[in-house]
Amino acid sequence: MELSVDRLTKHYGSKIAVDCVSAVLKPGVYGLLGENGAGKTTLMRMICSILEATSGEVFFDGQNVIEMGAEYRNLLGYLPQDFGYYPDYTAMEFLRYMSALKGIPRRKAVKRSEELLEVTGLEHVASKKIKTFSGGMKQRLGIAQALLNRPKILILDEPTAGLDPKERVRFRNLLADYAGDTIVLLSTHIVSDIEAIADHVFIMKKGSFAAQGTVPELVEQAQGKVWELEVSPAEVHNWEKKATISNLRHEEGHVVLRIVSDGKPSPQAAACPAALEDLYLYYFPVKEGAGL
């Protein structure tokens, strides 16, 4: 099973939202990491055939997905960033409604809905109206509806938005179990979610892939670019203005800054091991002009 994206491009007038992106995805979890406005949602919507590309194509097992039509859509599960719901529906009513839209027979729909409510920890609120749900509960319901048809391709746009740490761990475990024979593509700007579950990561910047690889491969790119420096509390503000600070911690009488920089930021700075978040900040520095 293979999903192939070939030179996918989207223009809005003179603005290039996605710029000639190519990738080959096989079963596993793929993370799409980038700032808001990097082109992640546009790319996902084109992969789902919701948005028409300016140029380029998407293939599933060698077939053009536009030509496949409904056959391709039946393979998809999709959670958009702005997930719509009917506030007066109960969780079970909503999943059964979505099952009908996906063409799932009624008996199977009821059983599958019950399974997914349990998997997402919503079984105790199955008969409660969605308008009474917290943001995290609504997000879990959105994840459940994306899984209704047992998709072979699962596209999730900011799926962990609104989830608390325990819910995010549950979601990551769910995806890890699900991805054995499924192509999972999820976008986020929460680096820890990607680091925990992605087999392969794409860092998207200004509509194209700035970097890609496994988490260890990407972390290796950041080695030699991460430094620790002890400064006085009075110096912190000046350092924040002139460098990309990924972390700071207060110790007795001083502050230890973790700085992402191509070169040694100060003679007193010491090199330290990198993490994926450091590479993210290298490509998306806090201060314009820092990092890359």
Protein backbone atom coordinates (compact mmCIF):
# COMPACT_ATOMS: atom_id res chain seq x y z
CA MET A 1 0.00 0.00 0.00
CA GLU A 2 1.43 3.35 -1.04
CA LEU A 3 0.25 6.95 -1.18
CA SER A 4 2.33 9.08 -3.52
CA VAL A 5 2.27 12.88 -3.66
CA ASP A 6 3.82 14.17 -6.89
CA ARG A 7 4.81 17.86 -7.15
CA LEU A 8 1.64 19.04 -5.45
CA THR A 9 1.21 22.80 -5.71
CA LYS A 10 -1.47 25.29 -4.69
CA HIS A 11 -1.58 28.98 -5.61
CA TYR A 12 -4.02 31.59 -4.33
CA GLY A 13 -3.44 34.39 -6.82
CA SER A 14 0.21 35.39 -6.40
CA LYS A 15 0.51 33.58 -3.05
CA ILE A 16 2.04 30.10 -3.10
CA ALA A 17 0.47 28.07 -0.27
CA VAL A 18 2.06 24.72 -1.22
CA ASP A 19 5.11 24.67 -3.48
CA CYS A 20 5.82 21.53 -5.53
CA VAL A 21 5.70 19.01 -2.64
CA SER A 22 6.50 15.35 -3.29
CA ALA A 23 6.48 12.41 -0.89
CA VAL A 24 5.84 8.67 -0.74
CA LEU A 25 3.92 7.33 2.26
CA LYS A 26 3.52 3.69 3.29
CA PRO A 27 1.84 2.23 6.41
CA GLY A 28 3.08 4.03 9.51
CA VAL A 29 2.78 7.40 11.24
CA TYR A 30 3.97 10.51 9.41
CA GLY A 31 4.23 13.81 11.25
CA LEU A 32 3.76 17.14 9.53
CA LEU A 33 5.39 19.78 11.69
CA GLY A 34 5.30 23.51 11.07
CA GLU A 35 4.05 26.92 12.09
CA ASN A 36 0.53 28.12 11.41
CA GLY A 37 0.47 29.27 7.79
CA ALA A 38 3.22 26.88 6.67
CA GLY A 39 0.83 25.11 4.26
CA LYS A 40 0.05 21.98 6.33
CA THR A 41 -3.75 22.21 6.13
CA THR A 42 -3.73 23.09 2.43
CA LEU A 43 -1.53 20.08 1.68
CA MET A 44 -3.77 17.74 3.68
CA ARG A 45 -6.93 19.03 2.03
CA MET A 46 -5.40 18.39 -1.41
CA ILE A 47 -4.37 14.86 -0.38
CA CYS A 48 -7.99 14.28 0.71
CA SER A 49 -9.27 15.65 -2.65
CA ILE A 50 -11.27 18.31 -0.78
CA LEU A 51 -9.23 21.08 -2.38
CA GLU A 52 -8.24 21.13 -6.03
CA ALA A 53 -4.51 21.43 -6.65
CA THR A 54 -3.13 24.09 -8.98
CA SER A 55 -0.78 21.42 -10.30
CA GLY A 56 0.58 18.03 -9.31
CA GLU A 57 -1.12 14.73 -8.55
CA VAL A 58 -1.83 12.25 -5.75
CA PHE A 59 -1.72 8.50 -6.39
CA PHE A 60 -2.88 5.55 -4.31
CA ASP A 61 -1.21 2.29 -5.34
CA GLY A 62 -0.45 3.84 -8.71
CA GLN A 63 -3.97 5.13 -9.39
CA ASN A 64 -4.77 8.83 -9.63
CA VAL A 65 -7.02 9.57 -6.64
CA ILE A 66 -9.16 12.06 -8.60
CA GLU A 67 -9.97 9.33 -11.11
CA MET A 68 -10.66 6.87 -8.26
CA GLY A 69 -13.40 9.18 -6.91
CA ALA A 70 -15.63 7.51 -4.30
CA GLU A 71 -13.37 4.45 -4.16
CA TYR A 72 -10.59 6.65 -2.79
CA ARG A 73 -12.85 8.58 -0.41
CA ASN A 74 -14.00 5.28 1.10
CA LEU A 75 -10.39 4.59 2.08
CA LEU A 76 -10.05 7.93 3.88
CA GLY A 77 -10.59 9.03 7.47
CA TYR A 78 -10.24 12.77 8.00
CA LEU A 79 -10.29 15.06 11.02
CA PRO A 80 -10.18 18.72 9.94
CA GLN A 81 -8.70 21.40 12.13
CA ASP A 82 -12.11 23.05 12.55
CA PHE A 83 -14.20 19.98 13.27
CA GLY A 84 -17.95 20.63 12.81
CA TYR A 85 -20.57 18.93 14.94
CA TYR A 86 -24.29 19.14 15.71
CA PRO A 87 -24.65 20.47 19.28
CA ASP A 88 -28.05 18.87 19.96
CA TYR A 89 -26.95 15.40 18.84
CA THR A 90 -25.70 12.95 21.42
CA ALA A 91 -22.29 11.38 20.84
CA MET A 92 -23.90 8.12 19.70
CA GLU A 93 -26.38 9.91 17.41
CA PHE A 94 -23.57 11.86 15.82
CA LEU A 95 -21.44 8.78 15.13
CA ARG A 96 -24.43 6.91 13.69
CA TYR A 97 -25.20 9.93 11.49
CA MET A 98 -21.60 10.07 10.26
CA SER A 99 -21.70 6.30 9.68
CA ALA A 100 -24.74 6.76 7.42
CA LEU A 101 -22.90 9.42 5.43
CA LYS A 102 -20.00 6.99 5.00
CA GLY A 103 -22.35 4.23 3.84
CA ILE A 104 -21.80 1.93 6.83
CA PRO A 105 -24.76 -0.46 7.38
CA ARG A 106 -26.87 0.36 10.45
CA ARG A 107 -26.02 -2.73 12.51
CA LYS A 108 -22.31 -2.38 11.86
CA ALA A 109 -22.55 1.36 12.55
CA VAL A 110 -23.98 0.83 16.03
CA LYS A 111 -21.31 -1.72 16.97
CA ARG A 112 -18.47 0.36 15.53
CA SER A 113 -19.72 3.51 17.25
CA GLU A 114 -19.84 1.72 20.60
CA GLU A 115 -16.28 0.43 20.06
CA LEU A 116 -14.94 3.88 19.24
CA LEU A 117 -16.71 5.61 22.11
CA GLU A 118 -14.95 3.15 24.40
CA VAL A 119 -11.59 3.55 22.66
CA THR A 120 -11.76 7.35 22.96
CA GLY A 121 -13.01 7.25 26.56
CA LEU A 122 -16.47 8.64 25.76
CA GLU A 123 -18.61 5.58 26.52
CA HIS A 124 -19.92 7.18 29.73
CA VAL A 125 -21.25 10.21 27.79
CA ALA A 126 -22.61 8.34 24.76
CA SER A 127 -26.15 9.60 25.43
CA LYS A 128 -25.18 13.17 26.37
CA LYS A 129 -25.54 16.07 23.93
CA ILE A 130 -22.35 17.32 22.32
CA LYS A 131 -23.05 20.90 23.41
CA THR A 132 -22.33 19.80 26.99
CA PHE A 133 -18.87 18.45 26.05
CA SER A 134 -15.55 20.07 26.88
CA GLY A 135 -13.19 20.98 24.04
CA GLY A 136 -11.12 17.84 24.63
CA MET A 137 -14.22 15.61 24.56
CA LYS A 138 -15.33 17.15 21.26
CA GLN A 139 -11.86 16.54 19.84
CA ARG A 140 -12.00 12.89 20.92
CA LEU A 141 -15.38 12.56 19.22
CA GLY A 142 -13.82 13.99 16.06
CA ILE A 143 -11.08 11.36 16.23
CA ALA A 144 -13.75 8.66 16.66
CA GLN A 145 -15.67 9.77 13.55
CA ALA A 146 -12.46 9.73 11.50
CA LEU A 147 -11.98 6.06 12.43
CA LEU A 148 -15.55 4.88 11.72
CA ASN A 149 -14.89 3.32 8.32
CA ARG A 150 -11.61 1.66 9.37
CA PRO A 151 -9.69 3.88 6.93
CA LYS A 152 -6.55 2.79 5.15
CA ILE A 153 -5.45 6.45 5.01
CA LEU A 154 -5.99 8.55 8.13
CA ILE A 155 -5.45 12.32 7.84
CA LEU A 156 -5.54 14.28 11.10
CA ASP A 157 -5.14 18.07 11.23
CA GLU A 158 -4.09 19.26 14.72
CA PRO A 159 -5.71 16.20 16.37
CA THR A 160 -4.37 16.86 19.86
CA ALA A 161 -5.55 20.48 20.07
CA GLY A 162 -7.60 20.84 23.25
CA LEU A 163 -6.52 17.51 24.73
CA ASP A 164 -5.00 17.42 28.20
CA PRO A 165 -1.72 15.49 28.73
CA LYS A 166 -3.49 12.23 29.71
CA GLU A 167 -5.79 12.45 26.67
CA ARG A 168 -2.80 13.08 24.40
CA VAL A 169 -1.05 9.97 25.72
CA ARG A 170 -4.23 7.93 25.11
CA PHE A 171 -4.47 9.32 21.58
CA ARG A 172 -0.82 8.59 20.81
CA ASN A 173 -1.21 5.00 22.01
CA LEU A 174 -4.34 4.62 19.89
CA LEU A 175 -2.53 5.83 16.79
CA ALA A 176 0.49 3.63 17.43
CA ASP A 177 -1.81 0.58 17.58
CA TYR A 178 -3.77 1.66 14.53
CA ALA A 179 -0.85 2.45 12.24
CA GLY A 180 0.33 -1.11 11.62
CA ASP A 181 -1.55 -1.43 8.32
CA THR A 182 -2.65 2.20 7.89
CA ILE A 183 -1.04 5.33 6.45
CA VAL A 184 -1.42 7.99 9.14
CA LEU A 185 -0.56 11.62 8.44
CA LEU A 186 -0.99 14.09 11.27
CA SER A 187 -0.12 17.75 11.45
CA THR A 188 0.67 19.62 14.61
CA HIS A 189 2.93 22.25 16.13
CA ILE A 190 3.19 20.22 19.37
CA VAL A 191 6.66 18.77 18.92
CA SER A 192 6.37 16.21 21.74
CA ASP A 193 3.40 14.50 20.04
CA ILE A 194 5.39 14.03 16.83
CA GLU A 195 8.51 12.94 18.72
CA ALA A 196 6.56 10.25 20.59
CA ILE A 197 4.86 8.45 17.69
CA ALA A 198 6.01 9.51 14.22
CA ASP A 199 8.02 7.06 12.12
CA HIS A 200 8.88 9.86 9.69
CA VAL A 201 8.64 13.63 10.06
CA PHE A 202 8.23 16.40 7.50
CA ILE A 203 9.11 19.92 8.64
CA MET A 204 7.08 22.26 6.47
CA LYS A 205 8.04 25.90 5.99
CA LYS A 206 6.60 28.42 3.51
CA GLY A 207 4.77 25.73 1.53
CA SER A 208 7.57 23.21 1.08
CA PHE A 209 9.52 20.64 3.08
CA ALA A 210 12.47 22.31 4.77
CA ALA A 211 13.63 18.98 6.22
CA GLN A 212 12.42 15.40 6.56
CA GLY A 213 13.53 12.12 8.08
CA THR A 214 13.13 9.97 11.18
CA VAL A 215 13.24 11.70 14.56
CA PRO A 216 16.86 10.55 15.20
CA GLU A 217 17.90 11.74 11.71
CA LEU A 218 16.36 15.15 12.27
CA VAL A 219 17.78 15.48 15.77
CA GLU A 220 21.21 14.72 14.31
CA GLN A 221 20.81 17.78 12.04
CA ALA A 222 20.52 19.95 15.17
CA GLN A 223 23.62 18.56 16.87
CA GLY A 224 26.27 21.26 17.22
CA LYS A 225 23.61 23.99 17.15
CA VAL A 226 22.45 23.81 20.78
CA TRP A 227 24.24 25.56 23.63
CA GLU A 228 23.85 26.25 27.33
CA LEU A 229 24.96 29.54 28.80
CA GLU A 230 24.87 30.83 32.38
CA VAL A 231 23.87 34.51 32.63
CA SER A 232 22.68 36.85 35.35
CA PRO A 233 18.93 37.51 35.61
CA ALA A 234 19.55 41.05 34.35
CA GLU A 235 21.05 39.73 31.09
CA VAL A 236 18.14 37.46 30.14
CA HIS A 237 16.09 40.12 28.35
CA ASN A 238 19.00 41.11 26.08
CA TRP A 239 19.66 37.48 25.18
CA GLU A 240 15.98 36.94 24.36
CA LYS A 241 16.18 39.84 21.88
CA LYS A 242 19.26 38.58 20.05
CA ALA A 243 19.06 34.77 20.18
CA THR A 244 16.63 31.87 19.89
CA ILE A 245 16.08 30.60 23.44
CA SER A 246 14.49 27.15 23.56
CA ASN A 247 14.46 26.97 27.36
CA LEU A 248 15.66 28.74 30.47
CA ARG A 249 15.93 27.61 34.05
CA HIS A 250 16.67 29.54 37.20
CA GLU A 251 19.41 28.33 39.45
CA GLU A 252 20.95 29.93 42.53
CA GLY A 253 21.89 33.47 41.56
CA HIS A 254 21.88 32.89 37.78
CA VAL A 255 19.84 31.68 34.80
CA VAL A 256 20.85 28.87 32.41
CA LEU A 257 19.79 29.59 28.82
CA ARG A 258 19.38 26.88 26.17
CA ILE A 259 20.25 28.62 22.90
CA VAL A 260 19.76 27.39 19.33
CA SER A 261 22.42 28.90 17.10
CA ASP A 262 24.66 27.97 14.17
CA GLY A 263 27.70 29.27 15.98
CA LYS A 264 28.83 29.46 19.59
CA PRO A 265 26.80 32.38 20.96
CA SER A 266 29.36 33.27 23.64
CA PRO A 267 32.85 32.10 24.61
CA GLN A 268 31.31 30.85 27.88
CA ALA A 269 28.62 28.76 26.13
CA ALA A 270 28.87 24.96 26.29
CA ALA A 271 27.57 22.57 23.62
CA CYS A 272 24.75 20.21 24.70
CA PRO A 273 22.77 17.36 23.09
CA ALA A 274 19.97 18.42 20.74
CA ALA A 275 16.29 17.45 20.71
CA LEU A 276 13.63 17.66 18.00
CA GLU A 277 12.24 20.87 19.52
CA ASP A 278 15.65 22.48 19.02
CA LEU A 279 15.55 21.69 15.30
CA TYR A 280 12.00 23.06 15.10
CA LEU A 281 13.19 26.33 16.63
CA TYR A 282 16.17 26.33 14.27
CA TYR A 283 13.78 26.40 11.31
CA PHE A 284 11.21 28.62 13.05
CA PRO A 285 13.27 30.96 15.23
CA VAL A 286 11.50 33.07 17.82
CA LYS A 287 13.25 36.18 16.58
CA GLU A 288 13.19 37.00 12.85
CA GLY A 289 16.64 36.50 11.43
CA ALA A 290 17.82 34.10 14.15
CA GLY A 291 18.59 30.44 13.39
CA LEU A 292 18.53 29.91 9.64
